[in-house]
Amino acid sequence: MSTDTFRRNAILARLPESEYDRIRRRLQLVDAEIRHQVYQPGEPITEVYFPLSSVFSLVGLADDDQVLVEVATVGLEGMVGLPLFLGAGSSPHAAFCQIPGPAARLGAEDLRRALAGDGVLHHELNRFTQATMVQIAQNVVCNSTHPTEQRAARWLLTTQDRVGRDEFPLTQQFLAQMLGVRRPTVSEIASRLQEAGLIRYSRGIVTIADRSALERTTCGCYRIVKAEFDRLTGD
């Protein structure tokens, strides 16, 4: 892969040089912090993000906007801001950073100009849209049919895939919110996984210690979604 920092994003990495050079001039390198909002429900989406090692959550709101439910995550394989690509100026959902790190930011108008030529970027975002639809649909299946421990293992594995490393910041309160369960439930699950040697957890940092065992703990939903994204990226 190119040493160009922006090429760490899988979509940007697959653009031909001529098309990439045009968009490269408009990209801004930013350090996304935890809870940084990309867009909020009903508000104009003014920019999109191509994560480089950060991870973003796409969430729906319930109970008069008091409860967040995660429907998908986006990391270095994709782009945050698909509603703009699909022709919508806003979304009923929200997108924010869950794992901090660098990302490439592009303004909404710059994205529209980059898409005007119907080049490779348009093709890659079509493919990413398909993979995201699979992820959202499978998350619905998983959340309604599988035990919390399997869902927690799926979330940890997916996040590791998105950041591309074994260690990342994570609070139990945040994971509980993303899984839609109470914090004591997550605390109990994290303790079991740690005692079994699957993860290490200390001071808000989780380390995947035994990925193979964690994969055996999770449900088939993880493999279905991973296979779709592997097909997308050619891994």
Protein backbone atom coordinates (compact mmCIF):
# COMPACT_ATOMS: atom_id res chain seq x y z
CA MET A 1 0.00 0.00 0.00
CA SER A 2 1.13 3.56 -0.66
CA THR A 3 2.94 5.42 2.10
CA ASP A 4 0.45 8.27 1.62
CA THR A 5 -1.42 8.48 4.93
CA PHE A 6 -4.80 8.86 3.25
CA ARG A 7 -4.27 5.65 1.30
CA ARG A 8 -4.59 3.73 4.57
CA ASN A 9 -8.32 4.00 3.97
CA ALA A 10 -9.35 1.07 1.75
CA ILE A 11 -11.66 3.11 -0.48
CA LEU A 12 -9.09 5.84 -1.09
CA ALA A 13 -6.41 3.18 -1.61
CA ARG A 14 -8.28 1.71 -4.58
CA LEU A 15 -8.67 4.96 -6.48
CA PRO A 16 -6.50 5.32 -9.61
CA GLU A 17 -3.81 7.98 -9.31
CA SER A 18 -5.55 10.53 -11.56
CA GLU A 19 -8.81 10.34 -9.62
CA TYR A 20 -7.06 10.19 -6.26
CA ASP A 21 -4.96 13.26 -7.04
CA ARG A 22 -8.11 15.31 -7.67
CA ILE A 23 -9.70 14.35 -4.37
CA ARG A 24 -6.42 14.35 -2.42
CA ARG A 25 -6.15 18.13 -2.65
CA ARG A 26 -9.49 18.49 -0.87
CA LEU A 27 -8.89 16.00 1.95
CA GLN A 28 -8.05 17.22 5.44
CA LEU A 29 -6.28 15.08 8.03
CA VAL A 30 -8.08 15.28 11.37
CA ASP A 31 -7.72 13.52 14.72
CA ALA A 32 -11.21 12.32 15.56
CA GLU A 33 -11.87 12.24 19.29
CA ILE A 34 -14.31 10.02 21.17
CA ARG A 35 -17.92 11.17 20.67
CA HIS A 36 -16.97 13.54 17.86
CA GLN A 37 -20.19 13.99 15.86
CA VAL A 38 -20.14 13.64 12.09
CA TYR A 39 -23.87 14.23 11.75
CA GLN A 40 -26.95 14.28 13.96
CA PRO A 41 -30.56 13.28 13.25
CA GLY A 42 -32.33 15.64 10.88
CA GLU A 43 -29.42 18.06 10.58
CA PRO A 44 -27.55 18.80 7.33
CA ILE A 45 -24.59 16.52 6.64
CA THR A 46 -21.79 18.91 5.74
CA GLU A 47 -18.82 16.56 5.55
CA VAL A 48 -17.83 12.92 5.28
CA TYR A 49 -14.99 10.99 6.92
CA PHE A 50 -12.71 8.27 5.59
CA PRO A 51 -11.32 6.64 8.78
CA LEU A 52 -7.62 5.77 8.81
CA SER A 53 -7.47 3.99 12.19
CA SER A 54 -10.43 5.56 13.97
CA VAL A 55 -13.83 3.84 14.19
CA PHE A 56 -17.26 5.45 13.98
CA SER A 57 -20.66 4.25 15.18
CA LEU A 58 -23.88 4.68 13.24
CA VAL A 59 -26.71 4.78 15.76
CA GLY A 60 -30.48 4.98 15.81
CA LEU A 61 -32.36 6.76 18.55
CA ALA A 62 -35.26 5.42 20.60
CA ASP A 63 -37.46 6.50 23.52
CA ASP A 64 -37.57 10.20 22.68
CA ASP A 65 -33.88 10.27 21.72
CA GLN A 66 -32.78 9.04 25.16
CA VAL A 67 -31.55 5.60 24.05
CA LEU A 68 -28.84 4.98 21.45
CA VAL A 69 -28.80 1.72 19.53
CA GLU A 70 -25.79 0.97 17.35
CA VAL A 71 -26.73 -0.29 13.89
CA ALA A 72 -23.29 -0.36 12.23
CA THR A 73 -19.63 0.61 12.59
CA VAL A 74 -17.28 2.14 10.04
CA GLY A 75 -13.50 1.92 10.08
CA LEU A 76 -10.67 2.07 7.59
CA GLU A 77 -12.68 -0.07 5.14
CA GLY A 78 -15.23 2.64 4.41
CA MET A 79 -16.67 6.12 4.62
CA VAL A 80 -18.88 7.83 7.19
CA GLY A 81 -21.59 9.81 5.42
CA LEU A 82 -23.28 7.38 3.02
CA PRO A 83 -26.57 9.38 3.05
CA LEU A 84 -24.77 12.11 1.07
CA PHE A 85 -23.58 9.59 -1.49
CA LEU A 86 -27.14 8.26 -1.78
CA GLY A 87 -28.49 11.75 -2.45
CA ALA A 88 -29.82 12.64 1.00
CA GLY A 89 -28.78 15.82 2.75
CA SER A 90 -29.59 14.52 6.23
CA SER A 91 -30.38 11.31 8.11
CA PRO A 92 -32.72 10.27 10.95
CA HIS A 93 -29.69 8.53 12.48
CA ALA A 94 -26.47 9.84 14.02
CA ALA A 95 -22.79 9.10 13.42
CA PHE A 96 -19.99 9.70 15.92
CA CYS A 97 -16.49 8.53 16.72
CA GLN A 98 -16.24 5.51 19.05
CA ILE A 99 -12.48 4.79 18.79
CA PRO A 100 -10.30 7.90 18.43
CA GLY A 101 -7.69 8.29 15.74
CA PRO A 102 -6.90 9.93 12.41
CA ALA A 103 -9.40 10.30 9.57
CA ALA A 104 -9.56 12.05 6.21
CA ARG A 105 -12.31 14.67 6.10
CA LEU A 106 -13.98 15.84 2.90
CA GLY A 107 -16.62 18.56 2.52
CA ALA A 108 -20.05 17.67 1.14
CA GLU A 109 -19.63 19.79 -2.00
CA ASP A 110 -16.18 18.33 -2.65
CA LEU A 111 -17.66 14.83 -2.41
CA ARG A 112 -20.39 15.74 -4.90
CA ARG A 113 -17.79 17.12 -7.32
CA ALA A 114 -15.66 13.99 -6.92
CA LEU A 115 -18.68 11.83 -7.74
CA ALA A 116 -19.78 13.86 -10.76
CA GLY A 117 -17.51 11.97 -13.13
CA ASP A 118 -18.95 8.56 -12.23
CA GLY A 119 -15.45 7.19 -11.65
CA VAL A 120 -13.97 4.52 -9.38
CA LEU A 121 -15.01 6.37 -6.20
CA HIS A 122 -18.65 6.02 -7.25
CA HIS A 123 -18.13 2.30 -7.86
CA GLU A 124 -16.35 1.75 -4.53
CA LEU A 125 -19.04 3.57 -2.56
CA ASN A 126 -21.70 1.46 -4.26
CA ARG A 127 -19.89 -1.65 -3.07
CA PHE A 128 -19.43 -0.22 0.42
CA THR A 129 -23.15 0.60 0.57
CA GLN A 130 -23.97 -3.04 -0.17
CA ALA A 131 -21.63 -4.29 2.56
CA THR A 132 -23.06 -1.78 5.04
CA MET A 133 -26.60 -2.96 4.26
CA VAL A 134 -25.49 -6.53 5.01
CA GLN A 135 -23.94 -5.37 8.29
CA ILE A 136 -27.07 -3.51 9.39
CA ALA A 137 -29.38 -6.39 8.48
CA GLN A 138 -27.21 -8.98 10.23
CA ASN A 139 -26.97 -6.78 13.33
CA VAL A 140 -30.77 -6.83 13.52
CA VAL A 141 -30.70 -10.64 13.39
CA CYS A 142 -27.91 -10.84 15.96
CA ASN A 143 -29.44 -8.39 18.43
CA SER A 144 -32.78 -10.21 18.39
CA THR A 145 -31.57 -13.83 18.57
CA HIS A 146 -28.16 -14.18 20.20
CA PRO A 147 -26.97 -13.96 23.83
CA THR A 148 -25.18 -10.85 25.01
CA GLU A 149 -21.82 -12.61 25.39
CA GLN A 150 -21.83 -13.67 21.74
CA ARG A 151 -22.81 -10.17 20.68
CA ALA A 152 -20.06 -8.66 22.84
CA ALA A 153 -17.50 -10.98 21.23
CA ARG A 154 -18.79 -9.98 17.80
CA TRP A 155 -18.48 -6.29 18.68
CA LEU A 156 -14.92 -6.72 19.95
CA LEU A 157 -13.83 -8.66 16.86
CA THR A 158 -15.48 -6.19 14.50
CA THR A 159 -13.82 -3.26 16.24
CA GLN A 160 -10.43 -4.96 16.06
CA ASP A 161 -10.97 -5.43 12.31
CA ARG A 162 -11.84 -1.75 11.95
CA VAL A 163 -8.85 -0.34 13.83
CA GLY A 164 -6.33 -2.88 12.50
CA ARG A 165 -4.67 -3.50 15.88
CA ASP A 166 -5.15 -5.65 19.00
CA GLU A 167 -5.48 -2.82 21.53
CA PHE A 168 -8.01 -0.01 21.64
CA PRO A 169 -9.76 2.22 24.21
CA LEU A 170 -13.15 1.03 25.41
CA THR A 171 -15.22 1.74 28.49
CA GLN A 172 -17.69 -0.80 29.81
CA GLN A 173 -20.35 1.91 29.89
CA PHE A 174 -19.89 2.60 26.18
CA LEU A 175 -19.99 -1.10 25.25
CA ALA A 176 -23.14 -1.53 27.34
CA GLN A 177 -24.76 1.35 25.50
CA MET A 178 -23.80 -0.04 22.10
CA LEU A 179 -25.14 -3.49 23.01
CA GLY A 180 -28.29 -2.11 24.61
CA VAL A 181 -27.70 -3.75 27.99
CA ARG A 182 -26.91 -2.64 31.55
CA ARG A 183 -23.32 -1.92 32.55
CA PRO A 184 -23.17 -4.73 35.19
CA THR A 185 -23.98 -7.21 32.41
CA VAL A 186 -20.99 -6.03 30.37
CA SER A 187 -18.79 -6.03 33.47
CA GLU A 188 -19.67 -9.67 34.12
CA ILE A 189 -19.03 -10.67 30.50
CA ALA A 190 -15.71 -8.80 30.38
CA SER A 191 -14.60 -10.57 33.55
CA ARG A 192 -15.42 -13.99 32.10
CA LEU A 193 -13.63 -13.24 28.84
CA GLN A 194 -10.60 -11.98 30.74
CA GLU A 195 -10.49 -14.96 33.09
CA ALA A 196 -10.61 -17.25 30.04
CA GLY A 197 -7.64 -15.42 28.54
CA LEU A 198 -9.55 -14.09 25.52
CA ILE A 199 -9.04 -10.41 26.36
CA ARG A 200 -7.14 -8.20 28.75
CA TYR A 201 -8.91 -5.17 30.16
CA SER A 202 -7.34 -2.42 32.23
CA ARG A 203 -8.11 1.26 32.78
CA GLY A 204 -10.40 1.60 29.79
CA ILE A 205 -8.09 -0.22 27.37
CA VAL A 206 -9.03 -3.62 25.95
CA THR A 207 -6.54 -5.96 24.28
CA ILE A 208 -7.59 -8.93 22.18
CA ALA A 209 -5.37 -11.64 23.67
CA ASP A 210 -6.71 -14.76 21.91
CA ARG A 211 -8.52 -13.90 18.71
CA SER A 212 -9.13 -17.52 17.68
CA ALA A 213 -10.87 -18.29 20.97
CA LEU A 214 -12.89 -15.09 20.73
CA GLU A 215 -14.02 -16.12 17.24
CA ARG A 216 -15.20 -19.44 18.67
CA THR A 217 -17.16 -17.54 21.32
CA THR A 218 -19.04 -15.30 18.92
CA CYS A 219 -22.00 -16.20 16.71
CA GLY A 220 -22.12 -16.80 12.97
CA CYS A 221 -23.22 -13.21 12.37
CA TYR A 222 -19.64 -12.03 12.72
CA ARG A 223 -18.43 -14.35 9.97
CA ILE A 224 -21.26 -13.38 7.61
CA VAL A 225 -20.48 -9.67 7.89
CA LYS A 226 -16.70 -10.18 7.79
CA ALA A 227 -17.00 -12.27 4.63
CA GLU A 228 -18.94 -9.45 2.94
CA PHE A 229 -16.34 -6.85 3.86
CA ASP A 230 -13.47 -9.17 2.90
CA ARG A 231 -15.12 -9.52 -0.50
CA LEU A 232 -15.33 -5.73 -0.67
CA THR A 233 -11.67 -5.16 0.12
CA GLY A 234 -10.34 -8.19 -1.72
CA ASP A 235 -8.75 -9.68 1.41
